[in-house]
Amino acid sequence: MDTELKNDNFHNVAIFIDYENVHKTLLDSNTNAIREGFFEKLKIWCKDHNRRIVKIVVYCNFDNKDLYESHHQSFLQSYGVETVHTSNQGKNFADLKLAIDVLNSMYTNNNIDEFIIMSNDKDMTPLLNTVRANKRKASILTTGDLYNSVLCEFADEQIKFEDIISSVDNDHLIINDIEQKFLSDIRKYVDGAISLYEGNGKQDYKRHYNVDYFSEQQSSYYNVMRYEILNIMNLLYKSGDILFYNHIYRGSNTLAIVPVIHKEYFISNDIIKEEDLCEEDSLIKNMIKESYDSYKQKSTK
């Protein structure tokens, strides 16, 4: 981790995150920690506030459907954070495991000056009390407005997720890198499909990239939730890099994507017609919302 600090007046901090709680809170607002760039911004925020991160640990049941399908545990590890899979043993198990790990770190490592607990759950109040009783700073990092206010009374400091997100400027987010790779890949896929089409004497172009199927496939490939793949498609549409068009597949009307650089080729070779192109993004927006809503239900694999 980058430990360059603003001055020498810094202290060591360990961050323990009830990630399942955080993820579900953000999911209710149709967003997620990856889209918000939370982990990148958290590191910058800590550096700007003279905190040197010695560890970040997240606790979550990664069998939750959207997290399981996108191999989210592996994705989080790319940020350099420790992940603890709490399986289906219940929320109390996750809270207990987090508390045990905080106490173990506190009693075995005198170099940790502050413990930041990220949770909205009032069950964390005894843990905050114990940390403070052992002369360590206990901070609570809350998400949204649904946190229990009692938590803040037992903490030395309340830090808000929204303040970290809004106060840190960082254009280099992993999700942005994935967006650019997605664009590069879809261009290559269509280039390959065109080569096959031309090699077959331009008879029956077959590789239409159906949004519904393709988003599911790419979710696993990029280790990103399906609603984020759909969101990436929408952002690329808004930036003028891809287009959506209507395509008949097995008798049903489906939505497909094509890079803008291939538009003229598709039209001139009668692969699609001008009227097939979607003039607005309402369809993809509905798909994003439906995808989020589907995962807001009880979601275990």
Protein backbone atom coordinates (compact mmCIF):
# COMPACT_ATOMS: atom_id res chain seq x y z
CA MET A 1 0.00 0.00 0.00
CA ASP A 2 1.08 3.57 -0.66
CA THR A 3 2.17 5.00 2.69
CA GLU A 4 3.40 8.42 1.58
CA LEU A 5 1.95 10.87 4.10
CA LYS A 6 1.41 14.61 4.29
CA ASN A 7 3.75 15.02 7.28
CA ASP A 8 5.37 13.04 10.08
CA ASN A 9 2.39 13.39 12.42
CA PHE A 10 0.68 10.16 11.42
CA HIS A 11 -0.69 7.10 13.14
CA ASN A 12 -1.27 3.51 12.14
CA VAL A 13 -4.81 2.38 11.42
CA ALA A 14 -6.44 -1.01 10.89
CA ILE A 15 -9.78 -1.09 9.06
CA PHE A 16 -12.33 -3.85 9.58
CA ILE A 17 -15.35 -3.82 7.27
CA ASP A 18 -18.72 -5.53 7.67
CA TYR A 19 -18.82 -5.71 3.89
CA GLU A 20 -22.07 -7.62 3.56
CA ASN A 21 -23.82 -4.87 5.52
CA VAL A 22 -22.16 -2.18 3.39
CA HIS A 23 -22.89 -3.96 0.11
CA LYS A 24 -26.59 -4.43 0.86
CA THR A 25 -26.95 -0.80 1.95
CA LEU A 26 -25.40 0.43 -1.29
CA LEU A 27 -27.35 -2.11 -3.35
CA ASP A 28 -30.59 -0.56 -2.09
CA SER A 29 -29.44 2.69 -3.73
CA ASN A 30 -28.49 0.93 -6.99
CA THR A 31 -24.77 1.36 -6.52
CA ASN A 32 -21.83 -0.53 -5.04
CA ALA A 33 -18.39 0.01 -3.54
CA ILE A 34 -16.60 -0.78 -6.82
CA ARG A 35 -18.57 1.76 -8.85
CA GLU A 36 -18.00 4.41 -6.17
CA GLY A 37 -14.25 3.70 -6.12
CA PHE A 38 -14.42 3.21 -2.37
CA PHE A 39 -11.20 1.28 -1.79
CA GLU A 40 -9.08 3.54 -3.99
CA LYS A 41 -10.53 6.64 -2.34
CA LEU A 42 -10.27 5.21 1.17
CA LYS A 43 -6.51 4.82 0.78
CA ILE A 44 -6.15 8.40 -0.46
CA TRP A 45 -8.44 9.73 2.28
CA CYS A 46 -6.41 7.98 4.96
CA LYS A 47 -3.16 9.37 3.56
CA ASP A 48 -4.62 12.88 3.42
CA HIS A 49 -5.70 12.53 7.06
CA ASN A 50 -2.30 11.24 8.17
CA ARG A 51 -3.42 7.68 8.69
CA ARG A 52 -1.16 4.88 7.55
CA ILE A 53 -3.16 1.76 6.73
CA VAL A 54 -1.59 -1.39 8.14
CA LYS A 55 -4.47 -3.66 7.10
CA ILE A 56 -7.94 -3.68 5.58
CA VAL A 57 -10.09 -6.73 6.26
CA VAL A 58 -13.56 -7.31 4.80
CA TYR A 59 -16.10 -9.82 6.14
CA CYS A 60 -18.85 -11.11 3.90
CA ASN A 61 -20.86 -14.11 2.82
CA PHE A 62 -19.56 -14.21 -0.73
CA ASP A 63 -22.20 -16.82 -1.57
CA ASN A 64 -24.66 -13.95 -2.05
CA LYS A 65 -25.82 -14.37 -5.63
CA ASP A 66 -24.37 -11.27 -7.29
CA LEU A 67 -21.06 -11.63 -5.43
CA TYR A 68 -20.80 -15.36 -6.13
CA GLU A 69 -21.54 -15.04 -9.86
CA SER A 70 -18.89 -12.33 -10.31
CA HIS A 71 -16.18 -13.99 -8.16
CA HIS A 72 -16.25 -10.83 -6.07
CA GLN A 73 -14.01 -12.16 -3.32
CA SER A 74 -11.13 -12.51 -5.78
CA PHE A 75 -11.88 -9.06 -7.19
CA LEU A 76 -11.62 -7.44 -3.74
CA GLN A 77 -8.24 -9.07 -3.21
CA SER A 78 -6.94 -7.11 -6.21
CA TYR A 79 -7.25 -4.02 -4.01
CA GLY A 80 -4.81 -5.54 -1.54
CA VAL A 81 -7.44 -6.21 1.12
CA GLU A 82 -7.86 -9.35 3.18
CA THR A 83 -11.17 -11.15 2.65
CA VAL A 84 -12.94 -13.37 5.17
CA HIS A 85 -15.72 -15.55 3.78
CA THR A 86 -18.37 -15.98 6.47
CA SER A 87 -20.38 -18.51 4.43
CA ASN A 88 -24.03 -19.05 5.40
CA GLN A 89 -23.40 -19.15 9.14
CA GLY A 90 -25.53 -16.10 9.87
CA LYS A 91 -24.91 -12.45 10.56
CA ASN A 92 -23.95 -13.06 14.19
CA PHE A 93 -21.06 -15.23 13.04
CA ALA A 94 -19.71 -12.42 10.84
CA ASP A 95 -19.99 -9.90 13.68
CA LEU A 96 -18.31 -12.32 16.08
CA LYS A 97 -15.47 -13.09 13.67
CA LEU A 98 -14.87 -9.38 13.04
CA ALA A 99 -14.86 -8.63 16.78
CA ILE A 100 -12.46 -11.48 17.55
CA ASP A 101 -10.05 -10.32 14.84
CA VAL A 102 -10.14 -6.71 16.08
CA LEU A 103 -9.42 -7.79 19.64
CA ASN A 104 -6.68 -10.16 18.54
CA SER A 105 -5.01 -7.36 16.56
CA MET A 106 -5.37 -4.97 19.46
CA TYR A 107 -3.83 -7.33 22.02
CA THR A 108 -1.01 -8.58 19.79
CA ASN A 109 -0.01 -5.41 17.94
CA ASN A 110 0.82 -2.35 20.00
CA ASN A 111 1.65 -0.40 16.84
CA ILE A 112 -1.99 0.00 15.80
CA ASP A 113 -3.18 3.39 17.05
CA GLU A 114 -6.69 3.39 15.62
CA PHE A 115 -9.30 0.82 14.70
CA ILE A 116 -11.86 1.86 12.10
CA ILE A 117 -14.95 -0.35 12.13
CA MET A 118 -17.16 0.00 9.05
CA SER A 119 -20.68 -1.04 9.98
CA ASN A 120 -24.15 0.40 10.59
CA ASP A 121 -24.91 -2.19 13.27
CA LYS A 122 -25.34 -1.18 16.92
CA ASP A 123 -24.04 -4.63 17.90
CA MET A 124 -20.58 -3.13 17.37
CA THR A 125 -20.93 -0.84 20.41
CA PRO A 126 -19.33 -3.26 22.93
CA LEU A 127 -16.37 -3.67 20.58
CA LEU A 128 -15.92 0.10 20.29
CA ASN A 129 -16.06 0.36 24.08
CA THR A 130 -13.38 -2.29 24.51
CA VAL A 131 -11.06 -0.64 21.99
CA ARG A 132 -11.37 2.71 23.76
CA ALA A 133 -10.87 1.10 27.17
CA ASN A 134 -7.53 -0.17 25.89
CA LYS A 135 -6.43 3.38 25.00
CA ARG A 136 -6.80 2.97 21.24
CA LYS A 137 -8.83 5.27 19.06
CA ALA A 138 -12.12 3.67 17.97
CA SER A 139 -13.76 5.15 14.87
CA ILE A 140 -16.95 4.11 13.14
CA LEU A 141 -17.37 4.35 9.37
CA THR A 142 -21.06 4.52 8.46
CA THR A 143 -22.88 4.12 5.15
CA GLY A 144 -26.04 6.00 4.18
CA ASP A 145 -28.58 7.30 6.69
CA LEU A 146 -29.81 4.03 8.16
CA TYR A 147 -27.01 3.52 10.68
CA ASN A 148 -27.88 3.30 14.37
CA SER A 149 -27.05 6.65 15.99
CA VAL A 150 -26.06 4.85 19.20
CA LEU A 151 -22.95 3.66 17.37
CA CYS A 152 -21.62 7.20 17.07
CA GLU A 153 -21.98 7.81 20.80
CA PHE A 154 -19.54 4.99 21.54
CA ALA A 155 -16.96 6.01 18.92
CA ASP A 156 -14.20 8.60 19.13
CA GLU A 157 -14.99 9.69 15.59
CA GLN A 158 -17.67 9.08 12.99
CA ILE A 159 -16.48 8.89 9.39
CA LYS A 160 -19.05 8.84 6.60
CA PHE A 161 -18.73 6.75 3.46
CA GLU A 162 -20.30 9.59 1.47
CA ASP A 163 -17.70 12.09 2.72
CA ILE A 164 -14.84 9.86 1.60
CA ILE A 165 -16.42 9.35 -1.83
CA SER A 166 -17.21 13.03 -2.40
CA SER A 167 -14.03 14.55 -0.96
CA VAL A 168 -11.48 12.48 -2.88
CA ASP A 169 -10.79 13.05 -6.57
CA ASN A 170 -9.38 9.97 -8.25
CA ASP A 171 -10.00 9.26 -11.91
CA HIS A 172 -7.88 6.11 -11.89
CA LEU A 173 -10.39 3.56 -10.65
CA ILE A 174 -10.30 -0.15 -11.39
CA ILE A 175 -13.86 0.02 -12.72
CA ASN A 176 -12.77 2.66 -15.26
CA ASP A 177 -9.94 0.40 -16.41
CA ILE A 178 -12.46 -2.42 -16.87
CA GLU A 179 -14.68 -0.10 -18.90
CA GLN A 180 -11.84 0.64 -21.31
CA LYS A 181 -10.86 -3.03 -21.53
CA PHE A 182 -14.48 -3.94 -22.21
CA LEU A 183 -14.55 -1.46 -25.11
CA SER A 184 -11.28 -2.77 -26.50
CA ASP A 185 -12.48 -6.37 -26.21
CA ILE A 186 -15.86 -5.83 -27.87
CA ARG A 187 -14.10 -4.12 -30.77
CA LYS A 188 -11.82 -7.14 -31.14
CA TYR A 189 -14.77 -9.55 -30.91
CA VAL A 190 -16.62 -7.73 -33.69
CA ASP A 191 -13.44 -7.50 -35.80
CA GLY A 192 -13.15 -11.28 -35.50
CA ALA A 193 -16.82 -11.78 -36.34
CA ILE A 194 -16.43 -9.59 -39.44
CA SER A 195 -13.39 -11.62 -40.55
CA LEU A 196 -15.42 -14.83 -40.32
CA TYR A 197 -18.30 -13.17 -42.15
CA GLU A 198 -16.05 -12.05 -45.00
CA GLY A 199 -14.31 -15.42 -45.09
CA ASN A 200 -17.74 -16.95 -45.64
CA GLY A 201 -18.40 -14.73 -48.63
CA LYS A 202 -20.46 -12.31 -46.54
CA GLN A 203 -23.18 -14.89 -46.10
CA ASP A 204 -25.31 -14.71 -42.96
CA TYR A 205 -23.54 -12.62 -40.29
CA LYS A 206 -24.07 -14.64 -37.10
CA ARG A 207 -22.30 -13.01 -34.18
CA HIS A 208 -24.71 -10.49 -32.74
CA TYR A 209 -23.76 -9.66 -29.16
CA ASN A 210 -27.01 -9.92 -27.25
CA VAL A 211 -26.91 -7.58 -24.25
CA ASP A 212 -28.67 -9.96 -21.87
CA TYR A 213 -26.49 -13.00 -22.58
CA PHE A 214 -23.29 -11.03 -23.14
CA SER A 215 -23.57 -9.13 -19.84
CA GLU A 216 -23.95 -12.39 -17.95
CA GLN A 217 -20.95 -13.90 -19.73
CA GLN A 218 -18.74 -10.85 -19.21
CA SER A 219 -19.67 -10.57 -15.53
CA SER A 220 -17.79 -13.79 -14.86
CA TYR A 221 -14.93 -12.85 -17.20
CA TYR A 222 -14.22 -9.46 -15.59
CA ASN A 223 -15.21 -10.50 -12.04
CA VAL A 224 -17.73 -7.65 -11.94
CA MET A 225 -21.40 -7.85 -11.02
CA ARG A 226 -23.81 -8.14 -13.94
CA TYR A 227 -25.49 -4.80 -13.21
CA GLU A 228 -22.06 -3.17 -13.44
CA ILE A 229 -21.42 -4.70 -16.87
CA LEU A 230 -24.77 -3.27 -17.98
CA ASN A 231 -23.80 0.06 -16.44
CA ILE A 232 -20.50 -0.01 -18.34
CA MET A 233 -22.43 -0.57 -21.57
CA ASN A 234 -24.66 2.41 -20.80
CA LEU A 235 -21.68 4.65 -20.04
CA LEU A 236 -20.00 3.63 -23.29
CA TYR A 237 -23.23 4.41 -25.12
CA LYS A 238 -23.35 7.86 -23.51
CA SER A 239 -19.73 8.52 -24.45
CA GLY A 240 -20.47 7.63 -28.08
CA ASP A 241 -18.35 4.47 -28.17
CA ILE A 242 -21.03 1.80 -28.65
CA LEU A 243 -24.54 1.59 -30.06
CA PHE A 244 -27.54 -0.54 -29.19
CA TYR A 245 -29.70 -2.08 -31.88
CA ASN A 246 -32.72 -4.34 -32.07
CA HIS A 247 -32.08 -7.83 -33.36
CA ILE A 248 -34.36 -10.82 -33.91
CA TYR A 249 -32.95 -13.94 -32.26
CA ARG A 250 -34.89 -17.21 -32.38
CA GLY A 251 -38.07 -15.31 -33.13
CA SER A 252 -37.71 -12.82 -30.28
CA ASN A 253 -36.67 -9.18 -30.36
CA THR A 254 -33.45 -8.70 -28.39
CA LEU A 255 -31.08 -5.82 -27.68
CA ALA A 256 -27.55 -6.13 -29.08
CA ILE A 257 -24.44 -3.95 -29.04
CA VAL A 258 -21.96 -2.87 -31.68
CA PRO A 259 -18.98 -0.49 -31.42
CA VAL A 260 -19.59 2.85 -33.15
CA ILE A 261 -16.52 2.26 -35.34
CA HIS A 262 -18.36 -0.69 -36.93
CA LYS A 263 -21.67 1.10 -37.50
CA GLU A 264 -21.14 1.99 -41.15
CA TYR A 265 -19.88 -1.51 -41.99
CA PHE A 266 -22.96 -3.09 -40.41
CA ILE A 267 -25.34 -0.79 -42.26
CA SER A 268 -23.57 -0.85 -45.64
CA ASN A 269 -23.51 -4.66 -45.57
CA ASP A 270 -27.16 -4.83 -44.53
CA ILE A 271 -26.30 -6.58 -41.26
CA ILE A 272 -28.53 -4.02 -39.56
CA LYS A 273 -30.68 -1.18 -40.81
CA GLU A 274 -30.58 2.42 -39.61
CA GLU A 275 -34.04 2.01 -38.08
CA ASP A 276 -32.76 -0.91 -35.96
CA LEU A 277 -30.56 1.47 -33.96
CA CYS A 278 -31.89 2.60 -30.58
CA GLU A 279 -32.16 6.37 -30.30
CA GLU A 280 -32.19 6.43 -26.49
CA ASP A 281 -30.88 4.42 -23.54
CA SER A 282 -34.21 3.68 -21.85
CA LEU A 283 -33.99 -0.05 -22.59
CA ILE A 284 -30.53 -0.48 -21.07
CA LYS A 285 -31.52 1.68 -18.07
CA ASN A 286 -34.47 -0.62 -17.45
CA MET A 287 -32.19 -3.64 -17.69
CA ILE A 288 -29.81 -2.11 -15.13
CA LYS A 289 -32.69 -1.44 -12.73
CA GLU A 290 -34.13 -4.92 -13.22
CA SER A 291 -30.72 -6.45 -12.60
CA TYR A 292 -30.28 -4.51 -9.36
CA ASP A 293 -33.81 -5.37 -8.25
CA SER A 294 -33.28 -9.08 -8.89
CA TYR A 295 -30.30 -9.10 -6.51
CA LYS A 296 -32.09 -7.15 -3.80
CA GLN A 297 -34.16 -10.24 -3.08
CA LYS A 298 -32.77 -12.89 -0.76
CA SER A 299 -29.63 -13.60 -2.76
CA THR A 300 -27.65 -16.73 -2.10
CA LYS A 301 -26.56 -19.13 -4.78
